[in-house]
Amino acid sequence: PTTSQDYAVVSVLAMGGAYFTNWALNYLNYTTRIVFKSCRVIPVMAFRSVVVGQRYSAVQYGAGGLLVAGITLFTAGDAAGGAPNFSGTGVALIVVALVGRSTRT
């Protein structure tokens, strides 16, 4: 059964995810933020594997790996291309936001 403590944890994670996402905008451009948010499936897969014991097929892990590779290349291009609003701090903040928002699903 769901308790009020569960709702409190979900609320804190949702608020933290939104806060870190908005904070990351000080260090990243909007496009990079959206690309990172599209990889929410990666932490969800990780948490479901650890907490629930969910098993995924090799194709699903491969798709996740391709997603990570694409985001890595996009971010590296953004960093090397001299994007006006890019910082490693922003990447760290958006990753924290992503994990916070993914754990509540």
N, C-alpha and C. Protein backbone atom coordinates (compact mmCIF):
# COMPACT_ATOMS: atom_id res chain seq x y z
N PRO A 1 0.82 -1.20 0.00
CA PRO A 1 0.00 0.00 0.00
C PRO A 1 0.87 1.27 0.00
N THR A 2 0.34 2.28 -0.60
CA THR A 2 1.03 3.56 -0.68
C THR A 2 0.82 4.34 0.59
N THR A 3 1.91 4.90 1.12
CA THR A 3 1.82 5.68 2.34
C THR A 3 2.09 7.15 2.04
N SER A 4 1.85 7.99 3.02
CA SER A 4 2.12 9.41 2.84
C SER A 4 3.62 9.65 2.69
N GLN A 5 4.43 8.78 3.27
CA GLN A 5 5.88 8.91 3.11
C GLN A 5 6.27 8.67 1.64
N ASP A 6 5.61 7.73 0.98
CA ASP A 6 5.87 7.50 -0.44
C ASP A 6 5.55 8.74 -1.27
N TYR A 7 4.42 9.38 -0.96
CA TYR A 7 4.06 10.60 -1.68
C TYR A 7 5.06 11.72 -1.42
N ALA A 8 5.57 11.79 -0.20
CA ALA A 8 6.56 12.82 0.13
C ALA A 8 7.85 12.60 -0.67
N VAL A 9 8.29 11.34 -0.78
CA VAL A 9 9.50 11.04 -1.54
C VAL A 9 9.32 11.37 -3.01
N VAL A 10 8.18 10.99 -3.57
CA VAL A 10 7.89 11.29 -4.97
C VAL A 10 7.86 12.80 -5.20
N SER A 11 7.27 13.53 -4.26
CA SER A 11 7.21 14.99 -4.39
C SER A 11 8.60 15.62 -4.36
N VAL A 12 9.45 15.15 -3.45
CA VAL A 12 10.81 15.69 -3.36
C VAL A 12 11.59 15.36 -4.64
N LEU A 13 11.46 14.14 -5.14
CA LEU A 13 12.16 13.78 -6.37
C LEU A 13 11.67 14.59 -7.56
N ALA A 14 10.36 14.80 -7.66
CA ALA A 14 9.81 15.59 -8.76
C ALA A 14 10.29 17.04 -8.67
N MET A 15 10.24 17.60 -7.46
CA MET A 15 10.69 18.97 -7.28
C MET A 15 12.19 19.10 -7.56
N GLY A 16 12.97 18.15 -7.06
CA GLY A 16 14.41 18.17 -7.30
C GLY A 16 14.74 18.04 -8.78
N GLY A 17 14.03 17.17 -9.47
CA GLY A 17 14.26 17.01 -10.90
C GLY A 17 13.97 18.29 -11.66
N ALA A 18 12.86 18.93 -11.34
CA ALA A 18 12.52 20.20 -12.00
C ALA A 18 13.54 21.28 -11.66
N TYR A 19 13.95 21.34 -10.40
CA TYR A 19 14.92 22.35 -9.96
C TYR A 19 16.26 22.18 -10.68
N PHE A 20 16.78 20.96 -10.69
CA PHE A 20 18.07 20.72 -11.34
C PHE A 20 18.00 20.93 -12.85
N THR A 21 16.86 20.59 -13.46
CA THR A 21 16.69 20.83 -14.89
C THR A 21 16.75 22.32 -15.20
N ASN A 22 16.04 23.12 -14.42
CA ASN A 22 16.05 24.56 -14.65
C ASN A 22 17.42 25.16 -14.33
N TRP A 23 18.09 24.66 -13.31
CA TRP A 23 19.43 25.14 -12.95
C TRP A 23 20.41 24.83 -14.08
N ALA A 24 20.25 23.67 -14.70
CA ALA A 24 21.15 23.27 -15.80
C ALA A 24 21.06 24.22 -16.98
N LEU A 25 19.91 24.88 -17.15
CA LEU A 25 19.76 25.83 -18.27
C LEU A 25 20.73 27.01 -18.16
N ASN A 26 21.26 27.27 -16.97
CA ASN A 26 22.27 28.33 -16.82
C ASN A 26 23.59 27.93 -17.48
N TYR A 27 23.79 26.62 -17.69
CA TYR A 27 25.06 26.11 -18.20
C TYR A 27 24.95 25.40 -19.55
N LEU A 28 23.74 25.10 -19.97
CA LEU A 28 23.51 24.39 -21.23
C LEU A 28 22.51 25.15 -22.09
N ASN A 29 22.58 24.91 -23.38
CA ASN A 29 21.54 25.49 -24.21
C ASN A 29 20.30 24.58 -24.17
N TYR A 30 19.19 25.11 -24.61
CA TYR A 30 17.92 24.39 -24.51
C TYR A 30 17.94 23.08 -25.29
N THR A 31 18.56 23.08 -26.45
CA THR A 31 18.61 21.87 -27.29
C THR A 31 19.33 20.74 -26.58
N THR A 32 20.46 21.03 -25.95
CA THR A 32 21.20 20.00 -25.22
C THR A 32 20.37 19.46 -24.07
N ARG A 33 19.65 20.34 -23.40
CA ARG A 33 18.79 19.90 -22.29
C ARG A 33 17.74 18.91 -22.78
N ILE A 34 17.12 19.21 -23.92
CA ILE A 34 16.08 18.33 -24.46
C ILE A 34 16.67 16.99 -24.88
N VAL A 35 17.85 17.01 -25.48
CA VAL A 35 18.49 15.76 -25.89
C VAL A 35 18.76 14.89 -24.66
N PHE A 36 19.27 15.49 -23.60
CA PHE A 36 19.53 14.71 -22.39
C PHE A 36 18.25 14.17 -21.78
N LYS A 37 17.20 14.95 -21.77
CA LYS A 37 15.95 14.48 -21.19
C LYS A 37 15.35 13.32 -21.99
N SER A 38 15.72 13.22 -23.26
CA SER A 38 15.21 12.12 -24.08
C SER A 38 15.84 10.79 -23.69
N CYS A 39 16.92 10.81 -22.94
CA CYS A 39 17.57 9.56 -22.54
C CYS A 39 17.09 9.09 -21.17
N ARG A 40 15.96 9.53 -20.75
CA ARG A 40 15.41 9.13 -19.45
C ARG A 40 15.25 7.61 -19.33
N VAL A 41 15.13 6.95 -20.45
CA VAL A 41 14.95 5.50 -20.44
C VAL A 41 16.16 4.77 -19.84
N ILE A 42 17.34 5.35 -19.94
CA ILE A 42 18.55 4.68 -19.43
C ILE A 42 18.50 4.51 -17.91
N PRO A 43 18.29 5.60 -17.13
CA PRO A 43 18.20 5.38 -15.68
C PRO A 43 16.99 4.53 -15.28
N VAL A 44 15.90 4.62 -16.05
CA VAL A 44 14.73 3.80 -15.74
C VAL A 44 15.09 2.32 -15.91
N MET A 45 15.78 1.99 -16.99
CA MET A 45 16.21 0.59 -17.20
C MET A 45 17.13 0.14 -16.07
N ALA A 46 18.05 1.00 -15.67
CA ALA A 46 19.00 0.64 -14.61
C ALA A 46 18.28 0.40 -13.28
N PHE A 47 17.38 1.31 -12.91
CA PHE A 47 16.67 1.15 -11.64
C PHE A 47 15.74 -0.06 -11.65
N ARG A 48 15.08 -0.30 -12.77
CA ARG A 48 14.19 -1.47 -12.84
C ARG A 48 15.00 -2.76 -12.76
N SER A 49 16.19 -2.76 -13.32
CA SER A 49 17.05 -3.95 -13.24
C SER A 49 17.48 -4.21 -11.81
N VAL A 50 17.86 -3.15 -11.10
CA VAL A 50 18.37 -3.29 -9.74
C VAL A 50 17.25 -3.54 -8.74
N VAL A 51 16.20 -2.73 -8.80
CA VAL A 51 15.15 -2.78 -7.78
C VAL A 51 14.14 -3.89 -8.03
N VAL A 52 13.66 -4.02 -9.26
CA VAL A 52 12.59 -4.97 -9.57
C VAL A 52 13.14 -6.30 -10.09
N GLY A 53 14.38 -6.26 -10.61
CA GLY A 53 14.94 -7.47 -11.19
C GLY A 53 14.52 -7.68 -12.63
N GLN A 54 14.07 -6.61 -13.27
CA GLN A 54 13.65 -6.68 -14.68
C GLN A 54 14.82 -7.09 -15.56
N ARG A 55 14.58 -7.97 -16.48
CA ARG A 55 15.59 -8.38 -17.46
C ARG A 55 15.21 -7.80 -18.81
N TYR A 56 16.20 -7.32 -19.53
CA TYR A 56 15.98 -6.76 -20.86
C TYR A 56 16.71 -7.61 -21.88
N SER A 57 16.23 -7.58 -23.11
CA SER A 57 16.86 -8.35 -24.17
C SER A 57 18.12 -7.63 -24.65
N ALA A 58 18.94 -8.36 -25.39
CA ALA A 58 20.16 -7.78 -25.95
C ALA A 58 19.84 -6.63 -26.90
N VAL A 59 18.73 -6.73 -27.61
CA VAL A 59 18.31 -5.67 -28.52
C VAL A 59 17.97 -4.40 -27.72
N GLN A 60 17.30 -4.55 -26.59
CA GLN A 60 16.95 -3.39 -25.76
C GLN A 60 18.21 -2.74 -25.18
N TYR A 61 19.14 -3.56 -24.70
CA TYR A 61 20.41 -3.00 -24.21
C TYR A 61 21.18 -2.33 -25.35
N GLY A 62 21.15 -2.92 -26.53
CA GLY A 62 21.80 -2.32 -27.68
C GLY A 62 21.19 -0.98 -28.05
N ALA A 63 19.87 -0.90 -28.00
CA ALA A 63 19.18 0.37 -28.28
C ALA A 63 19.57 1.42 -27.24
N GLY A 64 19.66 1.03 -25.99
CA GLY A 64 20.10 1.95 -24.94
C GLY A 64 21.52 2.41 -25.17
N GLY A 65 22.39 1.50 -25.58
CA GLY A 65 23.77 1.84 -25.88
C GLY A 65 23.88 2.82 -27.05
N LEU A 66 23.07 2.60 -28.08
CA LEU A 66 23.05 3.53 -29.21
C LEU A 66 22.55 4.91 -28.79
N LEU A 67 21.57 4.94 -27.91
CA LEU A 67 21.06 6.20 -27.41
C LEU A 67 22.15 6.97 -26.65
N VAL A 68 22.86 6.26 -25.78
CA VAL A 68 23.96 6.88 -25.03
C VAL A 68 25.05 7.36 -25.97
N ALA A 69 25.39 6.56 -26.97
CA ALA A 69 26.43 6.97 -27.94
C ALA A 69 26.00 8.22 -28.70
N GLY A 70 24.75 8.28 -29.11
CA GLY A 70 24.25 9.44 -29.82
C GLY A 70 24.28 10.70 -28.97
N ILE A 71 23.87 10.57 -27.73
CA ILE A 71 23.88 11.72 -26.83
C ILE A 71 25.30 12.15 -26.53
N THR A 72 26.20 11.19 -26.38
CA THR A 72 27.61 11.52 -26.15
C THR A 72 28.20 12.28 -27.33
N LEU A 73 27.93 11.82 -28.54
CA LEU A 73 28.43 12.51 -29.73
C LEU A 73 27.82 13.90 -29.87
N PHE A 74 26.54 14.02 -29.60
CA PHE A 74 25.89 15.33 -29.67
C PHE A 74 26.50 16.29 -28.68
N THR A 75 26.71 15.83 -27.45
CA THR A 75 27.28 16.68 -26.41
C THR A 75 28.72 17.04 -26.72
N ALA A 76 29.50 16.08 -27.22
CA ALA A 76 30.89 16.36 -27.59
C ALA A 76 30.95 17.39 -28.71
N GLY A 77 30.05 17.28 -29.68
CA GLY A 77 30.00 18.25 -30.76
C GLY A 77 29.60 19.63 -30.25
N ASP A 78 28.68 19.66 -29.31
CA ASP A 78 28.26 20.93 -28.72
C ASP A 78 29.42 21.58 -27.96
N ALA A 79 30.18 20.77 -27.24
CA ALA A 79 31.31 21.29 -26.46
C ALA A 79 32.44 21.75 -27.37
N ALA A 80 32.76 20.95 -28.39
CA ALA A 80 33.86 21.28 -29.30
C ALA A 80 33.50 22.41 -30.24
N GLY A 81 32.22 22.54 -30.56
CA GLY A 81 31.78 23.56 -31.50
C GLY A 81 31.69 24.94 -30.89
N GLY A 82 32.06 25.07 -29.64
CA GLY A 82 32.04 26.38 -29.01
C GLY A 82 30.64 26.91 -28.78
N ALA A 83 29.74 26.04 -28.35
CA ALA A 83 28.38 26.49 -28.06
C ALA A 83 28.45 27.62 -27.03
N PRO A 84 27.67 28.66 -27.23
CA PRO A 84 27.77 29.82 -26.36
C PRO A 84 27.39 29.55 -24.91
N ASN A 85 26.58 28.56 -24.69
CA ASN A 85 26.10 28.29 -23.34
C ASN A 85 26.28 26.81 -23.04
N PHE A 86 27.53 26.37 -22.82
CA PHE A 86 27.80 24.96 -22.56
C PHE A 86 28.85 24.84 -21.47
N SER A 87 28.60 23.92 -20.52
CA SER A 87 29.54 23.69 -19.43
C SER A 87 29.35 22.28 -18.90
N GLY A 88 30.43 21.68 -18.42
CA GLY A 88 30.34 20.37 -17.79
C GLY A 88 29.45 20.39 -16.56
N THR A 89 29.39 21.53 -15.90
CA THR A 89 28.50 21.67 -14.74
C THR A 89 27.05 21.46 -15.15
N GLY A 90 26.68 21.99 -16.30
CA GLY A 90 25.32 21.80 -16.79
C GLY A 90 25.01 20.35 -17.10
N VAL A 91 26.00 19.64 -17.65
CA VAL A 91 25.82 18.21 -17.93
C VAL A 91 25.60 17.46 -16.62
N ALA A 92 26.40 17.77 -15.61
CA ALA A 92 26.25 17.10 -14.31
C ALA A 92 24.87 17.39 -13.71
N LEU A 93 24.42 18.63 -13.79
CA LEU A 93 23.12 18.99 -13.23
C LEU A 93 21.97 18.29 -13.95
N ILE A 94 22.06 18.20 -15.27
CA ILE A 94 20.97 17.56 -16.01
C ILE A 94 20.96 16.05 -15.75
N VAL A 95 22.13 15.46 -15.52
CA VAL A 95 22.18 14.03 -15.18
C VAL A 95 21.53 13.79 -13.81
N VAL A 96 21.82 14.66 -12.84
CA VAL A 96 21.19 14.54 -11.52
C VAL A 96 19.67 14.68 -11.65
N ALA A 97 19.23 15.65 -12.45
CA ALA A 97 17.80 15.84 -12.67
C ALA A 97 17.16 14.62 -13.30
N LEU A 98 17.86 14.03 -14.25
CA LEU A 98 17.36 12.85 -14.95
C LEU A 98 17.19 11.67 -14.01
N VAL A 99 18.19 11.45 -13.16
CA VAL A 99 18.12 10.35 -12.21
C VAL A 99 17.02 10.59 -11.20
N GLY A 100 16.89 11.82 -10.72
CA GLY A 100 15.83 12.13 -9.76
C GLY A 100 14.45 11.92 -10.32
N ARG A 101 14.25 12.33 -11.56
CA ARG A 101 12.94 12.15 -12.18
C ARG A 101 12.67 10.71 -12.58
N SER A 102 13.72 9.96 -12.85
CA SER A 102 13.53 8.57 -13.28
C SER A 102 13.22 7.65 -12.11
N THR A 103 13.70 7.96 -10.93
CA THR A 103 13.49 7.08 -9.78
C THR A 103 12.06 7.11 -9.30
N ARG A 104 11.31 8.09 -9.69
CA ARG A 104 9.93 8.18 -9.20
C ARG A 104 8.95 7.43 -10.07
N THR A 105 9.41 6.82 -11.16
CA THR A 105 8.48 6.10 -12.03
C THR A 105 8.27 4.69 -11.55
